[in-house]
Amino acid sequence: MIRRIIHIDQDKCNGCGACAQACHEGAIAMVDGKAQLIRDDYCDGLGDCLPTCPTGAITFVEREAAPYDEAAVKANMAAKAAPCACPGSMARALNPQADTAAPAPCASQLLQWPVQIKLAPVNAPYFQGAHLLIAADCTAYAYANFHQDFIRGKVTLIGCPKLDMVDYTEKLTAILQDNDITALTIVRMEVPCCGGIQHAATQALRASGKFIPWQVVTISTDGRILD
């Protein structure tokens, strides 16, 4: 059938992943660093993704396309939302042995497990009274002293909206609302696609309705702190 559907200009796409987060039907995915419409029948043609694109890479076209399949969309989104049964995702607090006054250079400072935003339980006991660190997962590889300078003394959550293809805002909002978070630090890379994790964290902070001191730290690709 001929119907209205989105078109993504690959030359204009900068790989930020904002459209994939905005698409509630899961029709857009990041493939090789670019946004792509992965299934015509997942696209409802309403264009929630259009205003989120910073480069104007998304437009509407009229073309032959499979009809929108609401049942398939619901099944796909339900599968994505299904909890992970992996035993390694069980929440637990850790107890770093390093002296907090003068930690050993190679000592892990991680206070809890799991660290992935997608896997972290909303009401874990270690969130109470915590200074929360929300970090793009590349930051720990780019910045050499990440454990001592950022993880130390904080509960750590990491993610990459570009690769996970999810919007973390709802999950982070629940964590901030349901727990006594005392401070929030967001660490991101300088690359544009990292704006997604900063946006999700700051939107969650606003949605929580709480006044929590927060800061954003940006890491360069060669491992320097930019701000």
C-alpha atoms as a PDB file:
ATOM      1  CA  MET A   1       0.000   0.000   0.000  1.00  0.00           C
ATOM      2  CA  ILE A   2       1.060   3.625  -0.523  1.00  0.00           C
ATOM      3  CA  ARG A   3       1.292   5.489   2.757  1.00  0.00           C
ATOM      4  CA  ARG A   4       3.208   8.181   4.599  1.00  0.00           C
ATOM      5  CA  ILE A   5       6.358   6.928   6.259  1.00  0.00           C
ATOM      6  CA  ILE A   6       9.631   8.403   7.463  1.00  0.00           C
ATOM      7  CA  HIS A   7      12.813   8.627   5.405  1.00  0.00           C
ATOM      8  CA  ILE A   8      16.258   9.033   7.010  1.00  0.00           C
ATOM      9  CA  ASP A   9      18.942  10.774   4.947  1.00  0.00           C
ATOM     10  CA  GLN A  10      22.121   8.859   5.789  1.00  0.00           C
ATOM     11  CA  ASP A  11      24.337  11.731   4.634  1.00  0.00           C
ATOM     12  CA  LYS A  12      22.723  14.128   7.124  1.00  0.00           C
ATOM     13  CA  CYS A  13      22.509  11.671  10.043  1.00  0.00           C
ATOM     14  CA  ASN A  14      25.180  12.357  12.675  1.00  0.00           C
ATOM     15  CA  GLY A  15      24.497   9.210  14.678  1.00  0.00           C
ATOM     16  CA  CYS A  16      23.245  10.959  17.826  1.00  0.00           C
ATOM     17  CA  GLY A  17      20.509   8.356  18.390  1.00  0.00           C
ATOM     18  CA  ALA A  18      17.873  10.887  19.489  1.00  0.00           C
ATOM     19  CA  CYS A  19      15.353   9.631  16.926  1.00  0.00           C
ATOM     20  CA  ALA A  20      15.745   6.017  18.053  1.00  0.00           C
ATOM     21  CA  GLN A  21      14.995   7.096  21.625  1.00  0.00           C
ATOM     22  CA  ALA A  22      11.969   9.126  20.523  1.00  0.00           C
ATOM     23  CA  CYS A  23      10.429   6.321  18.453  1.00  0.00           C
ATOM     24  CA  HIS A  24       7.966   4.607  20.782  1.00  0.00           C
ATOM     25  CA  GLU A  25       7.365   1.829  18.267  1.00  0.00           C
ATOM     26  CA  GLY A  26      10.981   0.686  17.947  1.00  0.00           C
ATOM     27  CA  ALA A  27      10.977   1.348  14.193  1.00  0.00           C
ATOM     28  CA  ILE A  28      14.360   3.094  14.229  1.00  0.00           C
ATOM     29  CA  ALA A  29      17.656   1.491  15.211  1.00  0.00           C
ATOM     30  CA  MET A  30      21.281   2.559  15.128  1.00  0.00           C
ATOM     31  CA  VAL A  31      23.182   0.507  12.546  1.00  0.00           C
ATOM     32  CA  ASP A  32      26.897   1.114  11.978  1.00  0.00           C
ATOM     33  CA  GLY A  33      26.600   4.488  13.683  1.00  0.00           C
ATOM     34  CA  LYS A  34      23.633   5.711  11.638  1.00  0.00           C
ATOM     35  CA  ALA A  35      19.876   5.759  12.268  1.00  0.00           C
ATOM     36  CA  GLN A  36      17.873   3.409  10.063  1.00  0.00           C
ATOM     37  CA  LEU A  37      14.211   2.541   9.682  1.00  0.00           C
ATOM     38  CA  ILE A  38      14.425  -1.186  10.399  1.00  0.00           C
ATOM     39  CA  ARG A  39      10.813  -2.193   9.661  1.00  0.00           C
ATOM     40  CA  ASP A  40       8.137  -0.356   7.732  1.00  0.00           C
ATOM     41  CA  ASP A  41       5.342  -2.038   9.698  1.00  0.00           C
ATOM     42  CA  TYR A  42       6.701  -0.597  12.964  1.00  0.00           C
ATOM     43  CA  CYS A  43       6.441   3.002  11.694  1.00  0.00           C
ATOM     44  CA  ASP A  44       3.054   4.611  12.379  1.00  0.00           C
ATOM     45  CA  GLY A  45       3.833   7.621  10.194  1.00  0.00           C
ATOM     46  CA  LEU A  46       3.123  10.135  12.975  1.00  0.00           C
ATOM     47  CA  GLY A  47       6.711  11.373  13.110  1.00  0.00           C
ATOM     48  CA  ASP A  48       7.513  11.716  16.818  1.00  0.00           C
ATOM     49  CA  CYS A  49      11.126  11.324  15.739  1.00  0.00           C
ATOM     50  CA  LEU A  50      11.202  14.328  13.380  1.00  0.00           C
ATOM     51  CA  PRO A  51      11.529  17.177  15.913  1.00  0.00           C
ATOM     52  CA  THR A  52      14.274  15.355  17.832  1.00  0.00           C
ATOM     53  CA  CYS A  53      16.669  15.203  14.860  1.00  0.00           C
ATOM     54  CA  PRO A  54      19.260  17.998  15.173  1.00  0.00           C
ATOM     55  CA  THR A  55      20.368  17.786  11.531  1.00  0.00           C
ATOM     56  CA  GLY A  56      17.025  17.548   9.737  1.00  0.00           C
ATOM     57  CA  ALA A  57      17.864  14.081   8.428  1.00  0.00           C
ATOM     58  CA  ILE A  58      14.303  12.757   8.863  1.00  0.00           C
ATOM     59  CA  THR A  59      11.447  13.644   6.525  1.00  0.00           C
ATOM     60  CA  PHE A  60       8.127  12.166   5.461  1.00  0.00           C
ATOM     61  CA  VAL A  61       7.723  10.414   2.106  1.00  0.00           C
ATOM     62  CA  GLU A  62       4.801   8.746   0.387  1.00  0.00           C
ATOM     63  CA  ARG A  63       5.807   5.293  -0.854  1.00  0.00           C
ATOM     64  CA  GLU A  64       4.906   1.652  -1.029  1.00  0.00           C
ATOM     65  CA  ALA A  65       5.183   0.275   2.500  1.00  0.00           C
ATOM     66  CA  ALA A  66       3.754  -2.464   4.662  1.00  0.00           C
ATOM     67  CA  PRO A  67       0.821  -1.282   6.778  1.00  0.00           C
ATOM     68  CA  TYR A  68       1.458  -0.301  10.375  1.00  0.00           C
ATOM     69  CA  ASP A  69       1.172  -3.430  12.558  1.00  0.00           C
ATOM     70  CA  GLU A  70       0.232  -2.399  16.093  1.00  0.00           C
ATOM     71  CA  ALA A  71       0.240  -5.978  17.380  1.00  0.00           C
ATOM     72  CA  ALA A  72       3.776  -6.580  16.098  1.00  0.00           C
ATOM     73  CA  VAL A  73       4.940  -3.315  17.675  1.00  0.00           C
ATOM     74  CA  LYS A  74       3.476  -4.258  21.077  1.00  0.00           C
ATOM     75  CA  ALA A  75       5.072  -7.691  20.923  1.00  0.00           C
ATOM     76  CA  ASN A  76       8.442  -6.175  20.013  1.00  0.00           C
ATOM     77  CA  MET A  77       8.347  -3.583  22.782  1.00  0.00           C
ATOM     78  CA  ALA A  78       7.224  -6.183  25.331  1.00  0.00           C
ATOM     79  CA  ALA A  79      10.168  -8.383  24.386  1.00  0.00           C
ATOM     80  CA  LYS A  80      12.561  -5.469  24.852  1.00  0.00           C
ATOM     81  CA  ALA A  81      11.063  -4.672  28.243  1.00  0.00           C
ATOM     82  CA  ALA A  82      11.246  -8.259  29.516  1.00  0.00           C
ATOM     83  CA  PRO A  83      13.498  -8.526  32.582  1.00  0.00           C
ATOM     84  CA  CYS A  84      16.857 -10.210  32.190  1.00  0.00           C
ATOM     85  CA  ALA A  85      16.998 -13.631  33.849  1.00  0.00           C
ATOM     86  CA  CYS A  86      20.791 -13.660  33.935  1.00  0.00           C
ATOM     87  CA  PRO A  87      22.042 -14.493  37.474  1.00  0.00           C
ATOM     88  CA  GLY A  88      24.797 -11.917  36.953  1.00  0.00           C
ATOM     89  CA  SER A  89      22.216  -9.125  37.067  1.00  0.00           C
ATOM     90  CA  MET A  90      21.344  -9.806  40.729  1.00  0.00           C
ATOM     91  CA  ALA A  91      21.697  -6.598  42.739  1.00  0.00           C
ATOM     92  CA  ARG A  92      24.363  -6.586  45.420  1.00  0.00           C
ATOM     93  CA  ALA A  93      26.456  -4.070  47.315  1.00  0.00           C
ATOM     94  CA  LEU A  94      30.236  -4.277  47.094  1.00  0.00           C
ATOM     95  CA  ASN A  95      32.807  -3.297  49.691  1.00  0.00           C
ATOM     96  CA  PRO A  96      36.020  -1.922  48.194  1.00  0.00           C
ATOM     97  CA  GLN A  97      38.966  -2.743  50.447  1.00  0.00           C
ATOM     98  CA  ALA A  98      40.968   0.343  49.508  1.00  0.00           C
ATOM     99  CA  ASP A  99      41.503   2.895  52.267  1.00  0.00           C
ATOM    100  CA  THR A 100      39.054   5.710  51.466  1.00  0.00           C
ATOM    101  CA  ALA A 101      41.594   8.287  52.590  1.00  0.00           C
ATOM    102  CA  ALA A 102      44.407   7.009  50.382  1.00  0.00           C
ATOM    103  CA  PRO A 103      43.111   4.266  48.042  1.00  0.00           C
ATOM    104  CA  ALA A 104      45.566   2.047  46.212  1.00  0.00           C
ATOM    105  CA  PRO A 105      45.998   3.198  42.587  1.00  0.00           C
ATOM    106  CA  CYS A 106      44.690  -0.073  41.163  1.00  0.00           C
ATOM    107  CA  ALA A 107      41.919  -0.751  43.709  1.00  0.00           C
ATOM    108  CA  SER A 108      38.378  -0.957  42.367  1.00  0.00           C
ATOM    109  CA  GLN A 109      36.067   1.681  43.860  1.00  0.00           C
ATOM    110  CA  LEU A 110      32.836   0.134  42.580  1.00  0.00           C
ATOM    111  CA  LEU A 111      30.212   0.092  45.347  1.00  0.00           C
ATOM    112  CA  GLN A 112      27.464  -1.974  43.729  1.00  0.00           C
ATOM    113  CA  TRP A 113      26.401  -4.386  41.004  1.00  0.00           C
ATOM    114  CA  PRO A 114      24.942  -4.270  38.365  1.00  0.00           C
ATOM    115  CA  VAL A 115      26.122  -1.019  36.842  1.00  0.00           C
ATOM    116  CA  GLN A 116      24.127  -0.983  33.586  1.00  0.00           C
ATOM    117  CA  ILE A 117      21.175   1.426  33.759  1.00  0.00           C
ATOM    118  CA  LYS A 118      18.965  -1.136  32.025  1.00  0.00           C
ATOM    119  CA  LEU A 119      19.710  -3.787  34.681  1.00  0.00           C
ATOM    120  CA  ALA A 120      19.806  -1.702  37.846  1.00  0.00           C
ATOM    121  CA  PRO A 121      16.825  -2.253  40.182  1.00  0.00           C
ATOM    122  CA  VAL A 122      14.946   0.944  40.980  1.00  0.00           C
ATOM    123  CA  ASN A 123      14.725   0.382  44.735  1.00  0.00           C
ATOM    124  CA  ALA A 124      18.110  -1.145  45.608  1.00  0.00           C
ATOM    125  CA  PRO A 125      19.184  -0.324  49.198  1.00  0.00           C
ATOM    126  CA  TYR A 126      22.492   1.138  48.050  1.00  0.00           C
ATOM    127  CA  PHE A 127      20.676   4.077  46.425  1.00  0.00           C
ATOM    128  CA  GLN A 128      19.639   5.480  49.811  1.00  0.00           C
ATOM    129  CA  GLY A 129      21.778   8.486  50.694  1.00  0.00           C
ATOM    130  CA  ALA A 130      23.948   7.931  47.611  1.00  0.00           C
ATOM    131  CA  HIS A 131      25.853  10.330  45.424  1.00  0.00           C
ATOM    132  CA  LEU A 132      24.766   8.975  42.030  1.00  0.00           C
ATOM    133  CA  LEU A 133      27.172   8.813  39.100  1.00  0.00           C
ATOM    134  CA  ILE A 134      25.567   8.431  35.659  1.00  0.00           C
ATOM    135  CA  ALA A 135      28.280   7.858  33.080  1.00  0.00           C
ATOM    136  CA  ALA A 136      28.518   7.106  29.392  1.00  0.00           C
ATOM    137  CA  ASP A 137      30.266   3.748  29.238  1.00  0.00           C
ATOM    138  CA  CYS A 138      33.098   5.039  27.000  1.00  0.00           C
ATOM    139  CA  THR A 139      34.235   7.508  29.660  1.00  0.00           C
ATOM    140  CA  ALA A 140      35.903   4.863  31.802  1.00  0.00           C
ATOM    141  CA  TYR A 141      38.054   3.822  28.846  1.00  0.00           C
ATOM    142  CA  ALA A 142      38.972   7.352  27.790  1.00  0.00           C
ATOM    143  CA  TYR A 143      39.781   8.735  31.252  1.00  0.00           C
ATOM    144  CA  ALA A 144      42.617   6.789  32.862  1.00  0.00           C
ATOM    145  CA  ASN A 145      41.884   7.532  36.535  1.00  0.00           C
ATOM    146  CA  PHE A 146      38.135   7.014  36.321  1.00  0.00           C
ATOM    147  CA  HIS A 147      37.760   4.829  39.446  1.00  0.00           C
ATOM    148  CA  GLN A 148      39.609   7.179  41.763  1.00  0.00           C
ATOM    149  CA  ASP A 149      38.295  10.470  40.371  1.00  0.00           C
ATOM    150  CA  PHE A 150      34.688   9.563  39.587  1.00  0.00           C
ATOM    151  CA  ILE A 151      33.508   6.164  40.890  1.00  0.00           C
ATOM    152  CA  ARG A 152      35.033   6.533  44.346  1.00  0.00           C
ATOM    153  CA  GLY A 153      32.307   7.151  46.948  1.00  0.00           C
ATOM    154  CA  LYS A 154      29.475   7.043  44.418  1.00  0.00           C
ATOM    155  CA  VAL A 155      26.859   4.583  43.213  1.00  0.00           C
ATOM    156  CA  THR A 156      27.603   4.124  39.518  1.00  0.00           C
ATOM    157  CA  LEU A 157      25.232   3.640  36.598  1.00  0.00           C
ATOM    158  CA  ILE A 158      26.489   3.421  33.021  1.00  0.00           C
ATOM    159  CA  GLY A 159      24.910   3.249  29.604  1.00  0.00           C
ATOM    160  CA  CYS A 160      25.064   4.237  25.952  1.00  0.00           C
ATOM    161  CA  PRO A 161      21.758   5.408  24.448  1.00  0.00           C
ATOM    162  CA  LYS A 162      23.201   5.077  20.954  1.00  0.00           C
ATOM    163  CA  LEU A 163      23.922   1.370  21.352  1.00  0.00           C
ATOM    164  CA  ASP A 164      21.187   0.405  23.829  1.00  0.00           C
ATOM    165  CA  MET A 165      18.570   2.149  21.663  1.00  0.00           C
ATOM    166  CA  VAL A 166      16.458   3.035  24.690  1.00  0.00           C
ATOM    167  CA  ASP A 167      15.400   6.193  26.476  1.00  0.00           C
ATOM    168  CA  TYR A 168      16.743   6.026  30.038  1.00  0.00           C
ATOM    169  CA  THR A 169      14.611   8.935  31.256  1.00  0.00           C
ATOM    170  CA  GLU A 170      11.761   6.916  32.769  1.00  0.00           C
ATOM    171  CA  LYS A 171      14.086   4.519  34.617  1.00  0.00           C
ATOM    172  CA  LEU A 172      16.297   7.313  35.954  1.00  0.00           C
ATOM    173  CA  THR A 173      13.240   9.338  37.015  1.00  0.00           C
ATOM    174  CA  ALA A 174      12.004   6.393  39.082  1.00  0.00           C
ATOM    175  CA  ILE A 175      15.412   5.978  40.728  1.00  0.00           C
ATOM    176  CA  LEU A 176      15.573   9.673  41.637  1.00  0.00           C
ATOM    177  CA  GLN A 177      11.968   9.791  42.860  1.00  0.00           C
ATOM    178  CA  ASP A 178      12.011   6.607  44.924  1.00  0.00           C
ATOM    179  CA  ASN A 179      15.356   7.046  46.650  1.00  0.00           C
ATOM    180  CA  ASP A 180      17.185   9.605  48.778  1.00  0.00           C
ATOM    181  CA  ILE A 181      19.806  10.610  46.209  1.00  0.00           C
ATOM    182  CA  THR A 182      21.995  13.340  47.704  1.00  0.00           C
ATOM    183  CA  ALA A 183      23.916  14.471  44.596  1.00  0.00           C
ATOM    184  CA  LEU A 184      24.200  13.643  40.898  1.00  0.00           C
ATOM    185  CA  THR A 185      27.258  13.650  38.660  1.00  0.00           C
ATOM    186  CA  ILE A 186      26.893  13.061  34.914  1.00  0.00           C
ATOM    187  CA  VAL A 187      30.021  12.110  32.974  1.00  0.00           C
ATOM    188  CA  ARG A 188      29.847  12.064  29.176  1.00  0.00           C
ATOM    189  CA  MET A 189      32.161  12.061  26.198  1.00  0.00           C
ATOM    190  CA  GLU A 190      32.566  15.124  23.969  1.00  0.00           C
ATOM    191  CA  VAL A 191      30.998  13.325  20.972  1.00  0.00           C
ATOM    192  CA  PRO A 192      27.454  14.433  19.973  1.00  0.00           C
ATOM    193  CA  CYS A 193      25.794  11.052  20.517  1.00  0.00           C
ATOM    194  CA  CYS A 194      26.734  11.270  24.221  1.00  0.00           C
ATOM    195  CA  GLY A 195      24.236  14.095  24.564  1.00  0.00           C
ATOM    196  CA  GLY A 196      21.575  11.406  24.898  1.00  0.00           C
ATOM    197  CA  ILE A 197      22.726  10.270  28.335  1.00  0.00           C
ATOM    198  CA  GLN A 198      23.050  13.847  29.584  1.00  0.00           C
ATOM    199  CA  HIS A 199      19.579  14.673  28.255  1.00  0.00           C
ATOM    200  CA  ALA A 200      18.026  11.603  29.891  1.00  0.00           C
ATOM    201  CA  ALA A 201      19.655  12.360  33.250  1.00  0.00           C
ATOM    202  CA  THR A 202      18.700  16.041  33.314  1.00  0.00           C
ATOM    203  CA  GLN A 203      15.149  15.315  32.137  1.00  0.00           C
ATOM    204  CA  ALA A 204      14.843  12.685  34.866  1.00  0.00           C
ATOM    205  CA  LEU A 205      16.049  15.193  37.444  1.00  0.00           C
ATOM    206  CA  ARG A 206      13.395  17.693  36.349  1.00  0.00           C
ATOM    207  CA  ALA A 207      10.674  15.018  36.255  1.00  0.00           C
ATOM    208  CA  SER A 208      11.566  13.819  39.751  1.00  0.00           C
ATOM    209  CA  GLY A 209      10.519  17.160  41.215  1.00  0.00           C
ATOM    210  CA  LYS A 210      13.459  17.095  43.608  1.00  0.00           C
ATOM    211  CA  PHE A 211      16.224  19.624  44.176  1.00  0.00           C
ATOM    212  CA  ILE A 212      19.414  17.583  43.910  1.00  0.00           C
ATOM    213  CA  PRO A 213      22.834  19.217  43.379  1.00  0.00           C
ATOM    214  CA  TRP A 214      24.190  18.090  40.028  1.00  0.00           C
ATOM    215  CA  GLN A 215      27.034  18.622  37.609  1.00  0.00           C
ATOM    216  CA  VAL A 216      28.092  17.505  34.139  1.00  0.00           C
ATOM    217  CA  VAL A 217      31.680  16.568  33.340  1.00  0.00           C
ATOM    218  CA  THR A 218      32.756  16.152  29.709  1.00  0.00           C
ATOM    219  CA  ILE A 219      35.692  13.930  28.746  1.00  0.00           C
ATOM    220  CA  SER A 220      37.596  14.416  25.477  1.00  0.00           C
ATOM    221  CA  THR A 221      38.363  11.481  23.220  1.00  0.00           C
ATOM    222  CA  ASP A 222      42.035  11.793  24.215  1.00  0.00           C
ATOM    223  CA  GLY A 223      41.194  11.516  27.904  1.00  0.00           C
ATOM    224  CA  ARG A 224      41.092  15.107  29.169  1.00  0.00           C
ATOM    225  CA  ILE A 225      38.436  16.744  31.335  1.00  0.00           C
ATOM    226  CA  LEU A 226      36.934  19.541  29.249  1.00  0.00           C
ATOM    227  CA  ASP A 227      34.558  21.066  31.802  1.00  0.00           C
END
